[in-house]
């Protein structure tokens, strides 16, 4: 279960990172590219929409949905594992 908890946070990242700042790997939370250190949720999608870059927004929605689907699969796996050890 500890391994799954560690993997849980890692699954919210991508190797490619965010557009225009690949050093930020987290797809759900990152400092805004235009707002300094103010945190942005789902930054790739949000910033593309703010800039009216619709193709980029669609692409980022796909990337974020993949990350969230992988996270959901891990959570479901952990839930099944916990159900098996119930007294």
N, C-alpha and C. Protein backbone atom coordinates (compact mmCIF):
# COMPACT_ATOMS: atom_id res chain seq x y z
N UNK A 1 0.82 -1.18 0.00
CA UNK A 1 0.00 0.00 0.00
C UNK A 1 0.88 1.26 0.00
N UNK A 2 1.98 1.22 0.73
CA UNK A 2 2.89 2.38 0.72
C UNK A 2 3.40 2.68 -0.68
N UNK A 3 3.72 1.64 -1.43
CA UNK A 3 4.19 1.82 -2.81
C UNK A 3 3.11 2.50 -3.65
N UNK A 4 1.87 2.11 -3.45
CA UNK A 4 0.77 2.72 -4.20
C UNK A 4 0.60 4.20 -3.83
N UNK A 5 0.79 4.52 -2.58
CA UNK A 5 0.70 5.93 -2.17
C UNK A 5 1.79 6.77 -2.84
N UNK A 6 2.99 6.23 -2.90
CA UNK A 6 4.09 6.92 -3.58
C UNK A 6 3.77 7.07 -5.07
N UNK A 7 3.33 5.98 -5.68
CA UNK A 7 3.00 6.02 -7.11
C UNK A 7 1.84 6.96 -7.40
N UNK A 8 0.96 7.14 -6.44
CA UNK A 8 -0.21 7.99 -6.64
C UNK A 8 0.19 9.41 -7.04
N UNK A 9 1.09 10.01 -6.34
CA UNK A 9 1.52 11.38 -6.66
C UNK A 9 2.31 11.40 -7.96
N UNK A 10 3.12 10.40 -8.17
CA UNK A 10 3.93 10.35 -9.39
C UNK A 10 3.08 10.21 -10.65
N UNK A 11 1.94 9.58 -10.52
CA UNK A 11 1.07 9.41 -11.69
C UNK A 11 0.42 10.72 -12.12
N UNK A 12 0.51 11.74 -11.30
CA UNK A 12 -0.04 13.05 -11.65
C UNK A 12 0.97 13.91 -12.40
N UNK A 13 2.09 13.31 -12.76
CA UNK A 13 3.14 14.02 -13.49
C UNK A 13 3.32 13.38 -14.87
N UNK A 14 4.00 14.12 -15.75
CA UNK A 14 4.38 13.57 -17.04
C UNK A 14 5.86 13.84 -17.27
N UNK A 15 6.47 12.99 -18.02
CA UNK A 15 7.89 13.16 -18.34
C UNK A 15 8.13 14.43 -19.14
N UNK A 16 7.19 14.79 -20.02
CA UNK A 16 7.34 15.97 -20.87
C UNK A 16 7.16 17.28 -20.10
N UNK A 17 6.46 17.23 -18.99
CA UNK A 17 6.20 18.44 -18.23
C UNK A 17 5.19 19.35 -18.91
N UNK A 18 5.06 20.55 -18.40
CA UNK A 18 4.11 21.51 -18.94
C UNK A 18 4.68 22.23 -20.15
N UNK A 19 3.81 22.70 -21.01
CA UNK A 19 4.25 23.48 -22.17
C UNK A 19 4.92 24.76 -21.70
N UNK A 20 5.95 25.17 -22.39
CA UNK A 20 6.73 26.37 -22.10
C UNK A 20 7.50 26.31 -20.78
N UNK A 21 7.40 25.21 -20.05
CA UNK A 21 8.21 25.00 -18.83
C UNK A 21 8.24 23.52 -18.48
N UNK A 22 8.99 22.78 -19.25
CA UNK A 22 9.03 21.33 -19.08
C UNK A 22 9.62 20.86 -17.75
N UNK A 23 10.24 21.75 -17.01
CA UNK A 23 10.79 21.37 -15.72
C UNK A 23 9.68 21.16 -14.68
N UNK A 24 8.46 21.71 -14.92
CA UNK A 24 7.32 21.42 -14.04
C UNK A 24 6.61 20.20 -14.60
N UNK A 25 6.67 19.12 -13.88
CA UNK A 25 6.14 17.84 -14.35
C UNK A 25 4.70 17.59 -13.91
N UNK A 26 4.25 18.28 -12.88
CA UNK A 26 2.93 18.02 -12.30
C UNK A 26 1.84 18.62 -13.17
N UNK A 27 0.86 17.80 -13.56
CA UNK A 27 -0.20 18.25 -14.45
C UNK A 27 -1.39 18.87 -13.72
N UNK A 28 -1.46 18.72 -12.42
CA UNK A 28 -2.62 19.17 -11.67
C UNK A 28 -2.37 20.49 -10.95
N UNK A 29 -1.15 20.74 -10.56
CA UNK A 29 -0.86 21.94 -9.78
C UNK A 29 0.55 22.42 -10.11
N UNK A 30 0.68 23.72 -10.42
CA UNK A 30 1.99 24.30 -10.71
C UNK A 30 1.89 25.82 -10.63
N UNK A 31 3.00 26.49 -10.43
CA UNK A 31 2.97 27.96 -10.50
C UNK A 31 2.54 28.39 -11.90
N UNK A 32 1.80 29.47 -11.97
CA UNK A 32 1.34 29.97 -13.26
C UNK A 32 2.48 30.55 -14.08
N UNK A 33 2.45 30.34 -15.38
CA UNK A 33 3.49 30.85 -16.25
C UNK A 33 3.44 32.38 -16.32
N UNK A 34 2.26 32.97 -16.16
CA UNK A 34 2.12 34.42 -16.25
C UNK A 34 1.89 35.08 -14.89
N UNK A 35 1.69 34.28 -13.86
CA UNK A 35 1.35 34.85 -12.56
C UNK A 35 2.45 34.69 -11.52
N UNK A 36 3.65 34.36 -11.93
CA UNK A 36 4.72 34.16 -10.97
C UNK A 36 4.52 32.88 -10.19
N UNK A 37 4.54 33.00 -8.89
CA UNK A 37 4.46 31.80 -8.05
C UNK A 37 3.06 31.46 -7.61
N UNK A 38 2.06 32.23 -8.01
CA UNK A 38 0.68 31.89 -7.66
C UNK A 38 0.30 30.55 -8.27
N UNK A 39 -0.20 29.64 -7.45
CA UNK A 39 -0.52 28.29 -7.92
C UNK A 39 -1.71 28.31 -8.87
N UNK A 40 -1.63 27.48 -9.88
CA UNK A 40 -2.71 27.28 -10.84
C UNK A 40 -3.08 25.80 -10.81
N UNK A 41 -4.36 25.52 -10.78
CA UNK A 41 -4.81 24.14 -10.88
C UNK A 41 -5.02 23.80 -12.34
N UNK A 42 -4.65 22.58 -12.69
CA UNK A 42 -4.68 22.09 -14.07
C UNK A 42 -4.11 23.18 -14.99
N UNK A 43 -2.86 23.55 -14.75
CA UNK A 43 -2.27 24.73 -15.39
C UNK A 43 -2.22 24.70 -16.92
N UNK A 44 -1.93 23.56 -17.51
CA UNK A 44 -1.84 23.50 -18.96
C UNK A 44 -3.15 23.86 -19.63
N UNK A 45 -4.24 23.32 -19.11
CA UNK A 45 -5.56 23.61 -19.67
C UNK A 45 -5.96 25.05 -19.35
N UNK A 46 -5.82 25.42 -18.12
CA UNK A 46 -6.26 26.75 -17.68
C UNK A 46 -5.54 27.87 -18.45
N UNK A 47 -4.25 27.76 -18.56
CA UNK A 47 -3.49 28.82 -19.24
C UNK A 47 -3.77 28.85 -20.74
N UNK A 48 -3.99 27.70 -21.35
CA UNK A 48 -4.34 27.68 -22.77
C UNK A 48 -5.69 28.36 -22.99
N UNK A 49 -6.64 28.11 -22.11
CA UNK A 49 -7.94 28.76 -22.22
C UNK A 49 -7.81 30.26 -22.00
N UNK A 50 -7.05 30.65 -20.98
CA UNK A 50 -6.86 32.08 -20.71
C UNK A 50 -6.25 32.81 -21.90
N UNK A 51 -5.37 32.14 -22.63
CA UNK A 51 -4.72 32.74 -23.79
C UNK A 51 -5.50 32.52 -25.10
N UNK A 52 -6.64 31.84 -24.97
CA UNK A 52 -7.48 31.52 -26.13
C UNK A 52 -6.75 30.68 -27.19
N UNK A 53 -5.90 29.80 -26.70
CA UNK A 53 -5.20 28.84 -27.56
C UNK A 53 -6.00 27.53 -27.52
N UNK A 54 -7.06 27.47 -28.32
CA UNK A 54 -8.03 26.38 -28.20
C UNK A 54 -7.45 25.02 -28.58
N UNK A 55 -6.63 24.94 -29.60
CA UNK A 55 -6.02 23.65 -29.96
C UNK A 55 -5.12 23.15 -28.83
N UNK A 56 -4.38 24.07 -28.26
CA UNK A 56 -3.51 23.72 -27.14
C UNK A 56 -4.36 23.27 -25.94
N UNK A 57 -5.47 23.94 -25.69
CA UNK A 57 -6.36 23.56 -24.58
C UNK A 57 -6.88 22.14 -24.80
N UNK A 58 -7.30 21.84 -26.01
CA UNK A 58 -7.79 20.48 -26.31
C UNK A 58 -6.70 19.44 -26.10
N UNK A 59 -5.50 19.75 -26.52
CA UNK A 59 -4.38 18.83 -26.35
C UNK A 59 -4.08 18.61 -24.86
N UNK A 60 -4.09 19.69 -24.10
CA UNK A 60 -3.82 19.60 -22.67
C UNK A 60 -4.93 18.85 -21.93
N UNK A 61 -6.17 19.03 -22.37
CA UNK A 61 -7.29 18.29 -21.77
C UNK A 61 -7.05 16.79 -21.95
N UNK A 62 -6.59 16.40 -23.12
CA UNK A 62 -6.30 14.99 -23.37
C UNK A 62 -5.19 14.49 -22.46
N UNK A 63 -4.13 15.28 -22.32
CA UNK A 63 -3.01 14.87 -21.46
C UNK A 63 -3.45 14.74 -20.00
N UNK A 64 -4.23 15.71 -19.52
CA UNK A 64 -4.69 15.68 -18.13
C UNK A 64 -5.66 14.51 -17.91
N UNK A 65 -6.53 14.25 -18.88
CA UNK A 65 -7.48 13.15 -18.71
C UNK A 65 -6.74 11.81 -18.62
N UNK A 66 -5.68 11.65 -19.38
CA UNK A 66 -4.88 10.42 -19.30
C UNK A 66 -4.26 10.27 -17.91
N UNK A 67 -3.72 11.37 -17.39
CA UNK A 67 -3.12 11.35 -16.05
C UNK A 67 -4.18 10.98 -15.01
N UNK A 68 -5.36 11.57 -15.12
CA UNK A 68 -6.43 11.30 -14.14
C UNK A 68 -6.98 9.89 -14.27
N UNK A 69 -7.07 9.36 -15.48
CA UNK A 69 -7.50 7.98 -15.65
C UNK A 69 -6.51 7.01 -15.03
N UNK A 70 -5.21 7.28 -15.20
CA UNK A 70 -4.19 6.43 -14.57
C UNK A 70 -4.27 6.51 -13.05
N UNK A 71 -4.53 7.70 -12.54
CA UNK A 71 -4.68 7.88 -11.09
C UNK A 71 -5.90 7.11 -10.58
N UNK A 72 -7.00 7.19 -11.31
CA UNK A 72 -8.22 6.47 -10.91
C UNK A 72 -7.98 4.96 -10.90
N UNK A 73 -7.25 4.46 -11.87
CA UNK A 73 -6.94 3.03 -11.91
C UNK A 73 -6.13 2.61 -10.69
N UNK A 74 -5.18 3.44 -10.30
CA UNK A 74 -4.38 3.13 -9.11
C UNK A 74 -5.24 3.16 -7.85
N UNK A 75 -6.11 4.15 -7.73
CA UNK A 75 -7.00 4.24 -6.57
C UNK A 75 -7.93 3.03 -6.50
N UNK A 76 -8.48 2.63 -7.64
CA UNK A 76 -9.34 1.45 -7.65
C UNK A 76 -8.57 0.19 -7.25
N UNK A 77 -7.33 0.09 -7.70
CA UNK A 77 -6.49 -1.05 -7.33
C UNK A 77 -6.23 -1.06 -5.82
N UNK A 78 -5.94 0.10 -5.27
CA UNK A 78 -5.69 0.20 -3.83
C UNK A 78 -6.95 -0.13 -3.05
N UNK A 79 -8.10 0.33 -3.51
CA UNK A 79 -9.36 0.03 -2.83
C UNK A 79 -9.64 -1.46 -2.83
N UNK A 80 -9.38 -2.14 -3.95
CA UNK A 80 -9.57 -3.58 -4.01
C UNK A 80 -8.63 -4.30 -3.05
N UNK A 81 -7.41 -3.83 -2.99
CA UNK A 81 -6.44 -4.43 -2.08
C UNK A 81 -6.89 -4.27 -0.63
N UNK A 82 -7.39 -3.11 -0.29
CA UNK A 82 -7.87 -2.87 1.08
C UNK A 82 -9.10 -3.71 1.40
N UNK A 83 -9.96 -3.92 0.44
CA UNK A 83 -11.13 -4.75 0.64
C UNK A 83 -10.74 -6.19 0.97
N UNK A 84 -9.67 -6.66 0.40
CA UNK A 84 -9.21 -8.03 0.62
C UNK A 84 -8.67 -8.26 2.02
N UNK A 85 -8.22 -7.20 2.69
CA UNK A 85 -7.65 -7.37 4.02
C UNK A 85 -8.64 -7.00 5.13
N UNK A 86 -9.87 -6.75 4.78
CA UNK A 86 -10.87 -6.42 5.80
C UNK A 86 -11.03 -7.60 6.75
N UNK A 87 -11.20 -7.30 8.04
CA UNK A 87 -11.40 -8.41 9.02
C UNK A 87 -12.75 -9.05 8.88
